[in-house]
C-alpha cells in the first residue's frame, strides 16, 4: 500500500481544517475555563515515542502536538523509548525520561510495583489488542500446551497473555511454552506453525490480516471481559505532576481532545499524525482511528481497570504489592474528573 503524498501543514492550516470539520465545539479548543487558568509552570513537555514498534493505538498522544502548543507548551519533545530504560513506556515515564505518556494499563501497574515514580491520570481507549493463531487453533481454550511468541519476559504481551490464560483456567507458567523472538519474526513463525499464537497491537494486527497470516481467536475490543476495561491509559511522572499541576492538566486536556479528534474525524487525525513524521501509512491510520473506541473514554472508570488487572497480576505473582495498596498509590484522577466536566460532548 502506497502512502499518499501529503504536504506538511502549517499550524494555521491544521486549526482551520479543524474548524471547518465542525469538531471545534466538541473539542473545546478555546474553553473559557482554560483561558482563566494560570499558564503552565513549564512550557516544555516530554512524551514517549516508540519508533521501533510504532503502536498506532497510541496515536492521540502524537496527534496532540498542536493542541499541546495551544495549551502553552512551546517545546513538545517526543522522547524515544529505549529498551534499557525498562520493559515498557510507563517505565520511561517512571524514571523521569518523559513527563507523560500512554501505556498499557498492566505496564503502569508493573512500573509502579517496581517502585518507578509513576501515577495514572486517565483512561484513553478500550481494547485494541487481538490474538492471532494458526488454522489448527480454533479458540483461545485450544492454547493449552501450545507455543506462544513473546518479545521478552515481562513484556506487555507476556503479562496480558498470562492473565487471559489464567482467566480461563490455563496455567501460563506450566501449560504453555513461551518462545522469545523479535516482533519481526512473528509473522513467519506463525505462518510456518513454529508458534501457535501471537498478541498484536495495531497496525501489526492489520498487516497480519491483510497478509492472511493466521486468524483472530480473541479481540479485546469485542470479547468479554476484556472489552469492558481500558486497554491503554495515560500516565504521568509523579514528580512532574506534583511540581506542575497546571501543566499536567493542560497536557492531559490536549491528549484527551486529540483522543476525541481521532473518534470525530479519523481522516483529519490521520493527516495530523502523518504531519508529525510518525512512520505509518495514511490509509492504515484512518482505518485504525475508525475502529478503536476512542469516544468512550468518558464512560469508564480507569480505577476499575487498574483494580481488575492488579488482582489478576497479583494472583499470578506478576506484581508483589497488594492490589488495593498499589492502585491507591498510583491513582490520581483529580485532573480527569475536572476535564470530564469541561469536555462534555
C-alpha atoms as a PDB file:
ATOM      1  CA  UNK A   1       0.000   0.000   0.000  1.00  0.00           C
ATOM      2  CA  UNK A   2       1.443   3.350  -1.032  1.00  0.00           C
ATOM      3  CA  UNK A   3       1.380   6.284   1.333  1.00  0.00           C
ATOM      4  CA  UNK A   4      -0.241   9.352  -0.254  1.00  0.00           C
ATOM      5  CA  UNK A   5       1.999  12.353  -0.634  1.00  0.00           C
ATOM      6  CA  UNK A   6       0.674  14.781   1.943  1.00  0.00           C
ATOM      7  CA  UNK A   7       2.077  18.264   2.093  1.00  0.00           C
ATOM      8  CA  UNK A   8       3.135  19.337   5.596  1.00  0.00           C
ATOM      9  CA  UNK A   9       0.565  21.511   7.323  1.00  0.00           C
ATOM     10  CA  UNK A  10       1.165  24.812   8.918  1.00  0.00           C
ATOM     11  CA  UNK A  11      -0.353  25.325  12.331  1.00  0.00           C
ATOM     12  CA  UNK A  12      -2.928  27.723  10.859  1.00  0.00           C
ATOM     13  CA  UNK A  13      -3.955  25.188   8.209  1.00  0.00           C
ATOM     14  CA  UNK A  14      -4.429  22.478  10.827  1.00  0.00           C
ATOM     15  CA  UNK A  15      -6.598  24.707  13.031  1.00  0.00           C
ATOM     16  CA  UNK A  16      -8.526  25.973  10.023  1.00  0.00           C
ATOM     17  CA  UNK A  17      -9.272  22.448   8.871  1.00  0.00           C
ATOM     18  CA  UNK A  18     -10.306  21.509  12.397  1.00  0.00           C
ATOM     19  CA  UNK A  19     -12.760  24.420  12.455  1.00  0.00           C
ATOM     20  CA  UNK A  20     -14.298  23.568   9.095  1.00  0.00           C
ATOM     21  CA  UNK A  21     -14.581  19.940  10.169  1.00  0.00           C
ATOM     22  CA  UNK A  22     -17.139  21.051  12.722  1.00  0.00           C
ATOM     23  CA  UNK A  23     -15.157  19.483  15.555  1.00  0.00           C
ATOM     24  CA  UNK A  24     -14.028  22.654  17.257  1.00  0.00           C
ATOM     25  CA  UNK A  25     -17.060  22.909  19.544  1.00  0.00           C
ATOM     26  CA  UNK A  26     -16.917  19.325  20.721  1.00  0.00           C
ATOM     27  CA  UNK A  27     -13.188  19.552  21.215  1.00  0.00           C
ATOM     28  CA  UNK A  28     -13.448  22.783  23.210  1.00  0.00           C
ATOM     29  CA  UNK A  29     -10.289  24.190  21.671  1.00  0.00           C
ATOM     30  CA  UNK A  30     -10.825  27.539  23.343  1.00  0.00           C
ATOM     31  CA  UNK A  31     -12.689  26.796  26.594  1.00  0.00           C
ATOM     32  CA  UNK A  32     -13.236  29.847  28.784  1.00  0.00           C
ATOM     33  CA  UNK A  33     -12.095  27.922  31.823  1.00  0.00           C
ATOM     34  CA  UNK A  34      -8.705  27.255  30.209  1.00  0.00           C
ATOM     35  CA  UNK A  35      -8.284  30.943  29.467  1.00  0.00           C
ATOM     36  CA  UNK A  36      -8.906  31.678  33.137  1.00  0.00           C
ATOM     37  CA  UNK A  37      -6.266  29.197  34.281  1.00  0.00           C
ATOM     38  CA  UNK A  38      -2.716  30.255  35.063  1.00  0.00           C
ATOM     39  CA  UNK A  39      -0.104  29.397  32.436  1.00  0.00           C
ATOM     40  CA  UNK A  40       1.716  26.069  32.729  1.00  0.00           C
ATOM     41  CA  UNK A  41       4.590  26.028  35.213  1.00  0.00           C
ATOM     42  CA  UNK A  42       6.809  24.753  32.408  1.00  0.00           C
ATOM     43  CA  UNK A  43       6.487  25.310  28.670  1.00  0.00           C
ATOM     44  CA  UNK A  44       8.373  22.109  27.833  1.00  0.00           C
ATOM     45  CA  UNK A  45       6.743  18.666  27.800  1.00  0.00           C
ATOM     46  CA  UNK A  46       8.347  15.273  27.083  1.00  0.00           C
ATOM     47  CA  UNK A  47       6.251  12.395  25.726  1.00  0.00           C
ATOM     48  CA  UNK A  48       7.376   8.858  24.922  1.00  0.00           C
ATOM     49  CA  UNK A  49       7.733   7.836  21.278  1.00  0.00           C
ATOM     50  CA  UNK A  50       8.382   4.206  20.453  1.00  0.00           C
ATOM     51  CA  UNK A  51       9.787   4.360  16.907  1.00  0.00           C
ATOM     52  CA  UNK A  52      10.572   0.640  16.834  1.00  0.00           C
ATOM     53  CA  UNK A  53       7.070  -0.717  17.355  1.00  0.00           C
ATOM     54  CA  UNK A  54       5.045   2.354  16.246  1.00  0.00           C
ATOM     55  CA  UNK A  55       1.979   1.272  18.213  1.00  0.00           C
ATOM     56  CA  UNK A  56      -0.804   3.110  16.414  1.00  0.00           C
ATOM     57  CA  UNK A  57      -3.442   2.897  19.153  1.00  0.00           C
ATOM     58  CA  UNK A  58      -1.242   5.455  20.978  1.00  0.00           C
ATOM     59  CA  UNK A  59      -1.968   7.831  18.086  1.00  0.00           C
ATOM     60  CA  UNK A  60      -3.767  10.554  20.076  1.00  0.00           C
ATOM     61  CA  UNK A  61      -0.640  11.472  22.010  1.00  0.00           C
ATOM     62  CA  UNK A  62       1.113  12.270  18.723  1.00  0.00           C
ATOM     63  CA  UNK A  63      -1.934  13.937  17.157  1.00  0.00           C
ATOM     64  CA  UNK A  64      -1.955  16.175  20.249  1.00  0.00           C
ATOM     65  CA  UNK A  65       1.146  18.135  19.197  1.00  0.00           C
ATOM     66  CA  UNK A  66      -0.684  21.279  18.046  1.00  0.00           C
ATOM     67  CA  UNK A  67      -3.168  21.055  20.891  1.00  0.00           C
ATOM     68  CA  UNK A  68      -0.289  20.987  23.356  1.00  0.00           C
ATOM     69  CA  UNK A  69       1.011  24.175  21.765  1.00  0.00           C
ATOM     70  CA  UNK A  70      -2.412  25.761  22.199  1.00  0.00           C
ATOM     71  CA  UNK A  71      -2.163  24.860  25.878  1.00  0.00           C
ATOM     72  CA  UNK A  72       1.017  26.905  26.233  1.00  0.00           C
ATOM     73  CA  UNK A  73       3.757  24.349  25.584  1.00  0.00           C
ATOM     74  CA  UNK A  74       6.296  25.921  23.266  1.00  0.00           C
ATOM     75  CA  UNK A  75       8.549  22.869  23.270  1.00  0.00           C
ATOM     76  CA  UNK A  76       6.934  19.476  22.654  1.00  0.00           C
ATOM     77  CA  UNK A  77       9.506  16.688  22.694  1.00  0.00           C
ATOM     78  CA  UNK A  78       8.922  13.061  21.781  1.00  0.00           C
ATOM     79  CA  UNK A  79      11.469  11.013  23.709  1.00  0.00           C
ATOM     80  CA  UNK A  80      12.449   7.721  22.025  1.00  0.00           C
ATOM     81  CA  UNK A  81      11.780   4.602  24.036  1.00  0.00           C
ATOM     82  CA  UNK A  82      14.983   2.664  24.666  1.00  0.00           C
ATOM     83  CA  UNK A  83      14.908  -0.929  25.990  1.00  0.00           C
ATOM     84  CA  UNK A  84      17.496  -0.161  28.688  1.00  0.00           C
ATOM     85  CA  UNK A  85      15.014   2.283  30.259  1.00  0.00           C
ATOM     86  CA  UNK A  86      12.745  -0.595  31.231  1.00  0.00           C
ATOM     87  CA  UNK A  87      10.392  -3.083  29.567  1.00  0.00           C
ATOM     88  CA  UNK A  88       7.638  -0.602  28.728  1.00  0.00           C
ATOM     89  CA  UNK A  89       6.599   3.018  28.145  1.00  0.00           C
ATOM     90  CA  UNK A  90       5.395   3.504  31.723  1.00  0.00           C
ATOM     91  CA  UNK A  91       8.925   2.784  32.936  1.00  0.00           C
ATOM     92  CA  UNK A  92      10.255   5.603  30.760  1.00  0.00           C
ATOM     93  CA  UNK A  93       7.827   7.971  32.474  1.00  0.00           C
ATOM     94  CA  UNK A  94       8.515   6.481  35.889  1.00  0.00           C
ATOM     95  CA  UNK A  95      12.265   7.040  35.732  1.00  0.00           C
ATOM     96  CA  UNK A  96      11.790  10.654  34.627  1.00  0.00           C
ATOM     97  CA  UNK A  97      12.899  10.354  30.998  1.00  0.00           C
ATOM     98  CA  UNK A  98       9.435  11.554  29.954  1.00  0.00           C
ATOM     99  CA  UNK A  99       6.712  13.543  31.706  1.00  0.00           C
ATOM    100  CA  UNK A 100       3.552  11.924  30.373  1.00  0.00           C
ATOM    101  CA  UNK A 101       2.655   9.083  28.015  1.00  0.00           C
ATOM    102  CA  UNK A 102       0.139   6.468  27.021  1.00  0.00           C
ATOM    103  CA  UNK A 103       0.817   2.972  28.312  1.00  0.00           C
ATOM    104  CA  UNK A 104      -0.974  -0.346  28.545  1.00  0.00           C
ATOM    105  CA  UNK A 105      -2.729  -0.485  31.935  1.00  0.00           C
ATOM    106  CA  UNK A 106      -0.778  -3.545  33.060  1.00  0.00           C
ATOM    107  CA  UNK A 107       2.513  -1.822  32.241  1.00  0.00           C
ATOM    108  CA  UNK A 108       1.542   1.065  34.505  1.00  0.00           C
ATOM    109  CA  UNK A 109       0.977  -1.395  37.363  1.00  0.00           C
ATOM    110  CA  UNK A 110       4.252  -3.190  36.671  1.00  0.00           C
ATOM    111  CA  UNK A 111       6.207   0.064  36.652  1.00  0.00           C
ATOM    112  CA  UNK A 112       4.620   1.202  39.912  1.00  0.00           C
ATOM    113  CA  UNK A 113       5.260  -2.174  41.527  1.00  0.00           C
ATOM    114  CA  UNK A 114       8.928  -1.779  40.566  1.00  0.00           C
ATOM    115  CA  UNK A 115       8.954   1.481  42.555  1.00  0.00           C
ATOM    116  CA  UNK A 116       9.049   3.715  39.489  1.00  0.00           C
ATOM    117  CA  UNK A 117       7.697   7.205  40.177  1.00  0.00           C
ATOM    118  CA  UNK A 118       4.545   6.993  38.071  1.00  0.00           C
ATOM    119  CA  UNK A 119       0.843   7.781  38.505  1.00  0.00           C
ATOM    120  CA  UNK A 120      -2.278   7.057  36.470  1.00  0.00           C
ATOM    121  CA  UNK A 121      -4.045  10.144  35.097  1.00  0.00           C
ATOM    122  CA  UNK A 122      -6.798   8.886  32.780  1.00  0.00           C
ATOM    123  CA  UNK A 123      -8.008   6.146  30.516  1.00  0.00           C
ATOM    124  CA  UNK A 124      -7.533   6.663  26.773  1.00  0.00           C
ATOM    125  CA  UNK A 125      -9.383   3.878  24.969  1.00  0.00           C
ATOM    126  CA  UNK A 126     -10.777   0.383  25.331  1.00  0.00           C
ATOM    127  CA  UNK A 127      -9.436  -2.759  23.738  1.00  0.00           C
ATOM    128  CA  UNK A 128      -7.362  -2.765  20.568  1.00  0.00           C
ATOM    129  CA  UNK A 129      -5.397  -5.975  21.026  1.00  0.00           C
ATOM    130  CA  UNK A 130      -6.011  -9.193  19.095  1.00  0.00           C
ATOM    131  CA  UNK A 131      -4.752 -12.757  19.484  1.00  0.00           C
ATOM    132  CA  UNK A 132      -3.830 -14.382  16.173  1.00  0.00           C
ATOM    133  CA  UNK A 133      -3.410 -18.165  15.896  1.00  0.00           C
ATOM    134  CA  UNK A 134      -2.680 -20.563  13.063  1.00  0.00           C
ATOM    135  CA  UNK A 135      -5.513 -22.519  11.469  1.00  0.00           C
ATOM    136  CA  UNK A 136      -5.097 -25.506  13.796  1.00  0.00           C
ATOM    137  CA  UNK A 137      -6.189 -23.401  16.771  1.00  0.00           C
ATOM    138  CA  UNK A 138      -9.920 -22.729  16.734  1.00  0.00           C
ATOM    139  CA  UNK A 139     -10.408 -20.952  20.080  1.00  0.00           C
ATOM    140  CA  UNK A 140      -8.465 -19.422  22.946  1.00  0.00           C
ATOM    141  CA  UNK A 141      -9.139 -22.556  25.011  1.00  0.00           C
ATOM    142  CA  UNK A 142      -7.090 -24.561  22.490  1.00  0.00           C
ATOM    143  CA  UNK A 143      -3.843 -22.883  23.603  1.00  0.00           C
ATOM    144  CA  UNK A 144      -3.151 -25.325  26.456  1.00  0.00           C
ATOM    145  CA  UNK A 145       0.193 -26.970  25.671  1.00  0.00           C
ATOM    146  CA  UNK A 146       0.877 -24.651  22.732  1.00  0.00           C
ATOM    147  CA  UNK A 147       3.701 -22.260  21.802  1.00  0.00           C
ATOM    148  CA  UNK A 148       3.197 -18.508  22.158  1.00  0.00           C
ATOM    149  CA  UNK A 149       5.578 -15.856  20.823  1.00  0.00           C
ATOM    150  CA  UNK A 150       6.944 -13.156  23.117  1.00  0.00           C
ATOM    151  CA  UNK A 151       9.203 -10.172  22.583  1.00  0.00           C
ATOM    152  CA  UNK A 152      10.614 -10.531  26.115  1.00  0.00           C
ATOM    153  CA  UNK A 153       9.693 -11.891  29.507  1.00  0.00           C
ATOM    154  CA  UNK A 154       7.752  -9.286  31.448  1.00  0.00           C
ATOM    155  CA  UNK A 155       6.642  -7.558  28.234  1.00  0.00           C
ATOM    156  CA  UNK A 156       3.061  -6.356  27.824  1.00  0.00           C
ATOM    157  CA  UNK A 157       2.044  -9.341  25.723  1.00  0.00           C
ATOM    158  CA  UNK A 158       3.571 -11.720  28.287  1.00  0.00           C
ATOM    159  CA  UNK A 159       1.674 -10.189  31.207  1.00  0.00           C
ATOM    160  CA  UNK A 160      -1.621  -9.778  29.370  1.00  0.00           C
ATOM    161  CA  UNK A 161      -1.486 -13.206  27.744  1.00  0.00           C
ATOM    162  CA  UNK A 162      -0.782 -14.717  31.170  1.00  0.00           C
ATOM    163  CA  UNK A 163      -3.843 -13.013  32.657  1.00  0.00           C
ATOM    164  CA  UNK A 164      -6.038 -14.175  29.797  1.00  0.00           C
ATOM    165  CA  UNK A 165      -4.845 -17.769  30.058  1.00  0.00           C
ATOM    166  CA  UNK A 166      -5.299 -17.840  33.806  1.00  0.00           C
ATOM    167  CA  UNK A 167      -8.793 -16.366  33.431  1.00  0.00           C
ATOM    168  CA  UNK A 168      -9.946 -19.469  31.528  1.00  0.00           C
ATOM    169  CA  UNK A 169      -8.053 -21.932  33.730  1.00  0.00           C
ATOM    170  CA  UNK A 170      -4.799 -22.427  31.805  1.00  0.00           C
ATOM    171  CA  UNK A 171      -1.629 -22.133  33.903  1.00  0.00           C
ATOM    172  CA  UNK A 172       0.625 -19.691  31.980  1.00  0.00           C
ATOM    173  CA  UNK A 173       3.736 -20.960  33.745  1.00  0.00           C
ATOM    174  CA  UNK A 174       3.252 -24.699  33.185  1.00  0.00           C
ATOM    175  CA  UNK A 175       0.725 -25.267  30.436  1.00  0.00           C
ATOM    176  CA  UNK A 176       2.089 -23.167  27.572  1.00  0.00           C
ATOM    177  CA  UNK A 177       5.537 -22.737  26.046  1.00  0.00           C
ATOM    178  CA  UNK A 178       6.780 -19.168  25.642  1.00  0.00           C
ATOM    179  CA  UNK A 179       9.004 -18.574  22.601  1.00  0.00           C
ATOM    180  CA  UNK A 180      11.051 -15.377  22.804  1.00  0.00           C
ATOM    181  CA  UNK A 181      11.683 -13.876  19.366  1.00  0.00           C
ATOM    182  CA  UNK A 182      11.782 -10.390  17.836  1.00  0.00           C
ATOM    183  CA  UNK A 183       8.496  -8.908  16.587  1.00  0.00           C
ATOM    184  CA  UNK A 184       9.803  -9.004  13.037  1.00  0.00           C
ATOM    185  CA  UNK A 185       9.899 -12.824  13.157  1.00  0.00           C
ATOM    186  CA  UNK A 186       6.379 -13.409  14.429  1.00  0.00           C
ATOM    187  CA  UNK A 187       4.597 -13.469  11.080  1.00  0.00           C
ATOM    188  CA  UNK A 188       6.962 -16.035   9.610  1.00  0.00           C
ATOM    189  CA  UNK A 189       6.869 -18.159  12.766  1.00  0.00           C
ATOM    190  CA  UNK A 190       3.073 -18.189  12.898  1.00  0.00           C
ATOM    191  CA  UNK A 191       2.681 -18.866   9.179  1.00  0.00           C
ATOM    192  CA  UNK A 192       5.115 -21.781   9.433  1.00  0.00           C
ATOM    193  CA  UNK A 193       3.406 -23.229  12.516  1.00  0.00           C
ATOM    194  CA  UNK A 194       6.537 -22.755  14.642  1.00  0.00           C
ATOM    195  CA  UNK A 195       4.448 -20.849  17.162  1.00  0.00           C
ATOM    196  CA  UNK A 196       0.731 -21.270  17.717  1.00  0.00           C
ATOM    197  CA  UNK A 197      -0.325 -17.762  18.711  1.00  0.00           C
ATOM    198  CA  UNK A 198       0.790 -14.142  18.986  1.00  0.00           C
ATOM    199  CA  UNK A 199      -0.684 -10.987  20.561  1.00  0.00           C
ATOM    200  CA  UNK A 200      -0.755  -7.945  18.298  1.00  0.00           C
ATOM    201  CA  UNK A 201      -1.457  -4.235  18.554  1.00  0.00           C
ATOM    202  CA  UNK A 202      -2.371  -2.097  15.526  1.00  0.00           C
ATOM    203  CA  UNK A 203      -1.045  -1.658  12.927  1.00  0.00           C
ATOM    204  CA  UNK A 204       0.541  -5.147  13.089  1.00  0.00           C
ATOM    205  CA  UNK A 205      -2.871  -6.751  13.524  1.00  0.00           C
ATOM    206  CA  UNK A 206      -3.987  -5.104  10.280  1.00  0.00           C
ATOM    207  CA  UNK A 207      -0.875  -6.273   8.466  1.00  0.00           C
ATOM    208  CA  UNK A 208      -1.376  -9.893   9.556  1.00  0.00           C
ATOM    209  CA  UNK A 209      -4.997  -9.761   8.422  1.00  0.00           C
ATOM    210  CA  UNK A 210      -4.072  -8.288   5.041  1.00  0.00           C
ATOM    211  CA  UNK A 211      -1.391 -10.932   4.520  1.00  0.00           C
ATOM    212  CA  UNK A 212      -3.684 -13.770   5.669  1.00  0.00           C
ATOM    213  CA  UNK A 213      -1.354 -14.795   8.480  1.00  0.00           C
ATOM    214  CA  UNK A 214      -3.386 -16.827  10.949  1.00  0.00           C
ATOM    215  CA  UNK A 215      -6.819 -15.820  12.212  1.00  0.00           C
ATOM    216  CA  UNK A 216      -8.210 -13.967  15.230  1.00  0.00           C
ATOM    217  CA  UNK A 217      -9.289 -16.080  18.214  1.00  0.00           C
ATOM    218  CA  UNK A 218      -9.717 -13.204  20.686  1.00  0.00           C
ATOM    219  CA  UNK A 219     -10.343  -9.492  20.236  1.00  0.00           C
ATOM    220  CA  UNK A 220     -10.215  -7.262  23.326  1.00  0.00           C
ATOM    221  CA  UNK A 221     -12.473  -4.706  21.614  1.00  0.00           C
ATOM    222  CA  UNK A 222     -15.361  -7.158  21.345  1.00  0.00           C
ATOM    223  CA  UNK A 223     -14.737 -10.084  23.721  1.00  0.00           C
ATOM    224  CA  UNK A 224     -15.638 -10.157  27.423  1.00  0.00           C
ATOM    225  CA  UNK A 225     -14.388  -9.427  29.970  1.00  0.00           C
ATOM    226  CA  UNK A 226     -11.577  -7.505  28.251  1.00  0.00           C
ATOM    227  CA  UNK A 227     -13.854  -5.230  26.233  1.00  0.00           C
ATOM    228  CA  UNK A 228     -15.236  -3.783  29.458  1.00  0.00           C
ATOM    229  CA  UNK A 229     -11.914  -2.298  30.581  1.00  0.00           C
ATOM    230  CA  UNK A 230      -9.410   0.186  29.270  1.00  0.00           C
ATOM    231  CA  UNK A 231      -6.561  -1.167  27.228  1.00  0.00           C
ATOM    232  CA  UNK A 232      -4.389   1.951  27.270  1.00  0.00           C
ATOM    233  CA  UNK A 233      -4.209   4.644  29.929  1.00  0.00           C
ATOM    234  CA  UNK A 234      -2.371   7.938  30.298  1.00  0.00           C
ATOM    235  CA  UNK A 235       0.337   8.018  32.959  1.00  0.00           C
ATOM    236  CA  UNK A 236       2.488  10.807  34.357  1.00  0.00           C
ATOM    237  CA  UNK A 237       5.745  11.088  36.219  1.00  0.00           C
ATOM    238  CA  UNK A 238       4.842  11.570  39.880  1.00  0.00           C
ATOM    239  CA  UNK A 239       7.403  14.324  40.497  1.00  0.00           C
ATOM    240  CA  UNK A 240       6.390  16.189  37.333  1.00  0.00           C
ATOM    241  CA  UNK A 241       2.711  16.028  38.289  1.00  0.00           C
ATOM    242  CA  UNK A 242       3.363  17.212  41.835  1.00  0.00           C
ATOM    243  CA  UNK A 243       5.548  20.129  40.708  1.00  0.00           C
ATOM    244  CA  UNK A 244       3.474  21.103  37.660  1.00  0.00           C
ATOM    245  CA  UNK A 245      -0.245  20.615  38.316  1.00  0.00           C
ATOM    246  CA  UNK A 246      -1.360  23.267  35.813  1.00  0.00           C
ATOM    247  CA  UNK A 247       0.939  21.895  33.118  1.00  0.00           C
ATOM    248  CA  UNK A 248      -0.286  18.358  33.875  1.00  0.00           C
ATOM    249  CA  UNK A 249      -3.919  19.329  33.481  1.00  0.00           C
ATOM    250  CA  UNK A 250      -3.217  21.227  30.265  1.00  0.00           C
ATOM    251  CA  UNK A 251      -1.203  18.328  28.819  1.00  0.00           C
ATOM    252  CA  UNK A 252      -3.888  15.824  29.743  1.00  0.00           C
ATOM    253  CA  UNK A 253      -6.559  18.064  28.231  1.00  0.00           C
ATOM    254  CA  UNK A 254      -4.634  18.239  24.956  1.00  0.00           C
ATOM    255  CA  UNK A 255      -4.279  14.449  24.819  1.00  0.00           C
ATOM    256  CA  UNK A 256      -7.954  13.843  25.580  1.00  0.00           C
ATOM    257  CA  UNK A 257      -9.012  16.409  22.962  1.00  0.00           C
ATOM    258  CA  UNK A 258      -6.785  14.575  20.490  1.00  0.00           C
ATOM    259  CA  UNK A 259      -8.485  11.325  21.532  1.00  0.00           C
ATOM    260  CA  UNK A 260     -11.836  12.940  20.708  1.00  0.00           C
ATOM    261  CA  UNK A 261     -10.475  14.097  17.360  1.00  0.00           C
ATOM    262  CA  UNK A 262      -9.495  10.525  16.453  1.00  0.00           C
ATOM    263  CA  UNK A 263     -13.099   9.497  17.129  1.00  0.00           C
ATOM    264  CA  UNK A 264     -14.774  12.511  15.466  1.00  0.00           C
ATOM    265  CA  UNK A 265     -12.658  12.799  12.333  1.00  0.00           C
ATOM    266  CA  UNK A 266     -10.277   9.852  11.739  1.00  0.00           C
ATOM    267  CA  UNK A 267      -9.087  11.306   8.411  1.00  0.00           C
ATOM    268  CA  UNK A 268      -8.132  14.639   9.951  1.00  0.00           C
ATOM    269  CA  UNK A 269      -6.434  12.854  12.862  1.00  0.00           C
ATOM    270  CA  UNK A 270      -4.520  10.617  10.461  1.00  0.00           C
ATOM    271  CA  UNK A 271      -3.352  13.633   8.464  1.00  0.00           C
ATOM    272  CA  UNK A 272      -2.172  15.312  11.667  1.00  0.00           C
ATOM    273  CA  UNK A 273      -0.363  12.124  12.674  1.00  0.00           C
ATOM    274  CA  UNK A 274       1.455  11.867   9.353  1.00  0.00           C
ATOM    275  CA  UNK A 275       2.495  15.526   9.698  1.00  0.00           C
ATOM    276  CA  UNK A 276       4.417  14.656  12.876  1.00  0.00           C
ATOM    277  CA  UNK A 277       6.575  12.189  10.956  1.00  0.00           C
ATOM    278  CA  UNK A 278       5.012   9.132  12.595  1.00  0.00           C
ATOM    279  CA  UNK A 279       6.080   6.114  10.478  1.00  0.00           C
ATOM    280  CA  UNK A 280       2.673   4.930   9.293  1.00  0.00           C
ATOM    281  CA  UNK A 281       0.615   4.683   6.130  1.00  0.00           C
ATOM    282  CA  UNK A 282      -2.216   7.248   5.958  1.00  0.00           C
ATOM    283  CA  UNK A 283      -4.934   4.785   4.946  1.00  0.00           C
ATOM    284  CA  UNK A 284      -3.898   2.413   7.689  1.00  0.00           C
ATOM    285  CA  UNK A 285      -4.032   5.189  10.281  1.00  0.00           C
ATOM    286  CA  UNK A 286      -7.538   6.162   9.143  1.00  0.00           C
ATOM    287  CA  UNK A 287      -8.692   2.559   9.492  1.00  0.00           C
ATOM    288  CA  UNK A 288      -7.273   2.184  12.996  1.00  0.00           C
ATOM    289  CA  UNK A 289      -8.696   5.506  14.198  1.00  0.00           C
ATOM    290  CA  UNK A 290     -12.082   4.473  12.795  1.00  0.00           C
ATOM    291  CA  UNK A 291     -12.092   1.110  14.587  1.00  0.00           C
ATOM    292  CA  UNK A 292     -10.741   1.847  18.066  1.00  0.00           C
ATOM    293  CA  UNK A 293     -13.445   3.087  20.506  1.00  0.00           C
ATOM    294  CA  UNK A 294     -11.725   6.349  21.436  1.00  0.00           C
ATOM    295  CA  UNK A 295     -15.024   8.145  22.053  1.00  0.00           C
ATOM    296  CA  UNK A 296     -15.746   6.039  25.127  1.00  0.00           C
ATOM    297  CA  UNK A 297     -13.003   7.418  27.382  1.00  0.00           C
ATOM    298  CA  UNK A 298     -15.586   9.384  29.418  1.00  0.00           C
ATOM    299  CA  UNK A 299     -17.803   6.377  30.061  1.00  0.00           C
ATOM    300  CA  UNK A 300     -15.490   4.067  32.014  1.00  0.00           C
ATOM    301  CA  UNK A 301     -13.614   4.327  35.299  1.00  0.00           C
ATOM    302  CA  UNK A 302      -9.848   3.821  34.901  1.00  0.00           C
ATOM    303  CA  UNK A 303      -9.610   2.731  38.526  1.00  0.00           C
ATOM    304  CA  UNK A 304     -11.893  -0.230  37.754  1.00  0.00           C
ATOM    305  CA  UNK A 305      -9.436  -1.257  35.058  1.00  0.00           C
ATOM    306  CA  UNK A 306      -6.406  -0.984  37.331  1.00  0.00           C
ATOM    307  CA  UNK A 307      -8.112  -2.987  40.079  1.00  0.00           C
ATOM    308  CA  UNK A 308      -9.285  -5.668  37.651  1.00  0.00           C
ATOM    309  CA  UNK A 309      -5.787  -6.078  36.213  1.00  0.00           C
ATOM    310  CA  UNK A 310      -3.980  -5.755  39.544  1.00  0.00           C
ATOM    311  CA  UNK A 311      -5.991  -8.547  41.186  1.00  0.00           C
ATOM    312  CA  UNK A 312      -5.111 -10.955  38.385  1.00  0.00           C
ATOM    313  CA  UNK A 313      -1.490  -9.870  38.139  1.00  0.00           C
ATOM    314  CA  UNK A 314      -1.039 -10.303  41.885  1.00  0.00           C
ATOM    315  CA  UNK A 315      -2.586 -13.775  41.793  1.00  0.00           C
ATOM    316  CA  UNK A 316      -0.022 -14.763  39.146  1.00  0.00           C
ATOM    317  CA  UNK A 317       2.880 -13.242  41.082  1.00  0.00           C
ATOM    318  CA  UNK A 318       3.426 -10.581  38.413  1.00  0.00           C
ATOM    319  CA  UNK A 319       3.219  -7.797  40.998  1.00  0.00           C
ATOM    320  CA  UNK A 320       4.291  -8.034  44.636  1.00  0.00           C
ATOM    321  CA  UNK A 321       2.344  -5.251  46.322  1.00  0.00           C
ATOM    322  CA  UNK A 322      -1.263  -5.825  47.332  1.00  0.00           C
ATOM    323  CA  UNK A 323      -3.648  -4.748  44.547  1.00  0.00           C
ATOM    324  CA  UNK A 324      -5.530  -2.388  46.871  1.00  0.00           C
ATOM    325  CA  UNK A 325      -2.417  -0.584  48.079  1.00  0.00           C
ATOM    326  CA  UNK A 326      -0.854  -0.388  44.637  1.00  0.00           C
ATOM    327  CA  UNK A 327      -3.927   1.097  42.953  1.00  0.00           C
ATOM    328  CA  UNK A 328      -4.469   3.554  45.799  1.00  0.00           C
ATOM    329  CA  UNK A 329      -0.833   4.611  45.474  1.00  0.00           C
ATOM    330  CA  UNK A 330      -0.897   5.401  41.765  1.00  0.00           C
ATOM    331  CA  UNK A 331      -4.472   6.639  41.205  1.00  0.00           C
ATOM    332  CA  UNK A 332      -4.588  10.403  40.571  1.00  0.00           C
ATOM    333  CA  UNK A 333      -7.911  11.184  38.896  1.00  0.00           C
ATOM    334  CA  UNK A 334      -8.344  14.809  40.022  1.00  0.00           C
ATOM    335  CA  UNK A 335      -7.435  16.260  36.613  1.00  0.00           C
ATOM    336  CA  UNK A 336      -9.596  13.717  34.796  1.00  0.00           C
ATOM    337  CA  UNK A 337     -12.596  14.483  36.964  1.00  0.00           C
ATOM    338  CA  UNK A 338     -12.267  18.192  36.184  1.00  0.00           C
ATOM    339  CA  UNK A 339     -11.795  17.582  32.470  1.00  0.00           C
ATOM    340  CA  UNK A 340     -14.798  15.276  32.216  1.00  0.00           C
ATOM    341  CA  UNK A 341     -16.927  18.239  33.245  1.00  0.00           C
ATOM    342  CA  UNK A 342     -15.149  20.635  30.879  1.00  0.00           C
ATOM    343  CA  UNK A 343     -15.016  18.377  27.818  1.00  0.00           C
ATOM    344  CA  UNK A 344     -18.609  17.264  27.717  1.00  0.00           C
ATOM    345  CA  UNK A 345     -19.664  16.091  24.299  1.00  0.00           C
END
